[in-house]
């Protein structure tokens, strides 16, 4: 391994649902759990934005 390897951008950690987890370390599993928790938060925030827009549209057309 050369010193140039450290300068290369690292691939972002990804997780594929249903993938084999048996080869992952505890640290790698914790990292993926954190990644998935962040994604859940992002999805819930987007869901709330869309729900608020829907509620606003519903109240506008009910009046």
Protein backbone atom coordinates (compact mmCIF):
# COMPACT_ATOMS: atom_id res chain seq x y z
CA UNK A 1 0.00 0.00 0.00
CA UNK A 2 1.41 3.38 -0.92
CA UNK A 3 0.97 6.75 0.72
CA UNK A 4 -1.19 7.77 -2.25
CA UNK A 5 -3.91 5.34 -1.17
CA UNK A 6 -4.72 7.59 1.79
CA UNK A 7 -5.47 10.52 -0.53
CA UNK A 8 -8.13 8.72 -2.55
CA UNK A 9 -11.71 9.58 -1.65
CA UNK A 10 -13.36 6.85 0.35
CA UNK A 11 -16.57 5.29 -0.87
CA UNK A 12 -19.54 6.26 1.25
CA UNK A 13 -20.86 3.44 3.41
CA UNK A 14 -24.03 2.04 1.96
CA UNK A 15 -26.41 -0.64 3.07
CA UNK A 16 -28.52 -2.85 0.89
CA UNK A 17 -31.63 -4.22 2.54
CA UNK A 18 -31.45 -7.97 2.98
CA UNK A 19 -27.69 -8.14 2.45
CA UNK A 20 -25.55 -10.72 4.25
CA UNK A 21 -24.40 -9.30 7.59
CA UNK A 22 -22.32 -12.25 8.75
CA UNK A 23 -19.00 -10.82 7.53
CA UNK A 24 -19.41 -7.42 9.23
CA UNK A 25 -17.70 -6.51 12.49
CA UNK A 26 -19.54 -5.02 15.45
CA UNK A 27 -18.14 -1.59 14.53
CA UNK A 28 -19.35 -1.96 10.96
CA UNK A 29 -22.79 -3.02 12.18
CA UNK A 30 -22.94 0.00 14.50
CA UNK A 31 -21.94 2.24 11.61
CA UNK A 32 -24.72 0.83 9.43
CA UNK A 33 -27.25 1.17 12.23
CA UNK A 34 -26.28 4.85 12.54
CA UNK A 35 -26.56 5.29 8.79
CA UNK A 36 -30.02 3.72 8.75
CA UNK A 37 -31.18 5.83 11.71
CA UNK A 38 -30.11 8.97 9.85
CA UNK A 39 -31.98 7.80 6.78
CA UNK A 40 -35.11 7.09 8.84
CA UNK A 41 -34.94 10.62 10.28
CA UNK A 42 -34.56 12.06 6.79
CA UNK A 43 -37.54 10.05 5.52
CA UNK A 44 -39.71 11.06 8.47
CA UNK A 45 -38.84 14.74 7.96
CA UNK A 46 -39.77 14.54 4.28
CA UNK A 47 -42.98 12.70 5.16
CA UNK A 48 -43.94 15.49 7.57
CA UNK A 49 -43.24 18.18 4.95
CA UNK A 50 -45.48 16.37 2.46
CA UNK A 51 -48.18 15.76 5.06
CA UNK A 52 -48.17 19.46 6.00
CA UNK A 53 -48.58 20.39 2.34
CA UNK A 54 -51.44 17.94 2.02
CA UNK A 55 -53.15 19.34 5.12
CA UNK A 56 -52.78 22.88 3.77
CA UNK A 57 -54.28 21.86 0.42
CA UNK A 58 -57.12 19.99 2.11
CA UNK A 59 -58.00 22.99 4.29
CA UNK A 60 -57.89 25.33 1.29
CA UNK A 61 -60.29 23.21 -0.75
CA UNK A 62 -62.64 22.52 2.16
CA UNK A 63 -63.30 26.21 2.74
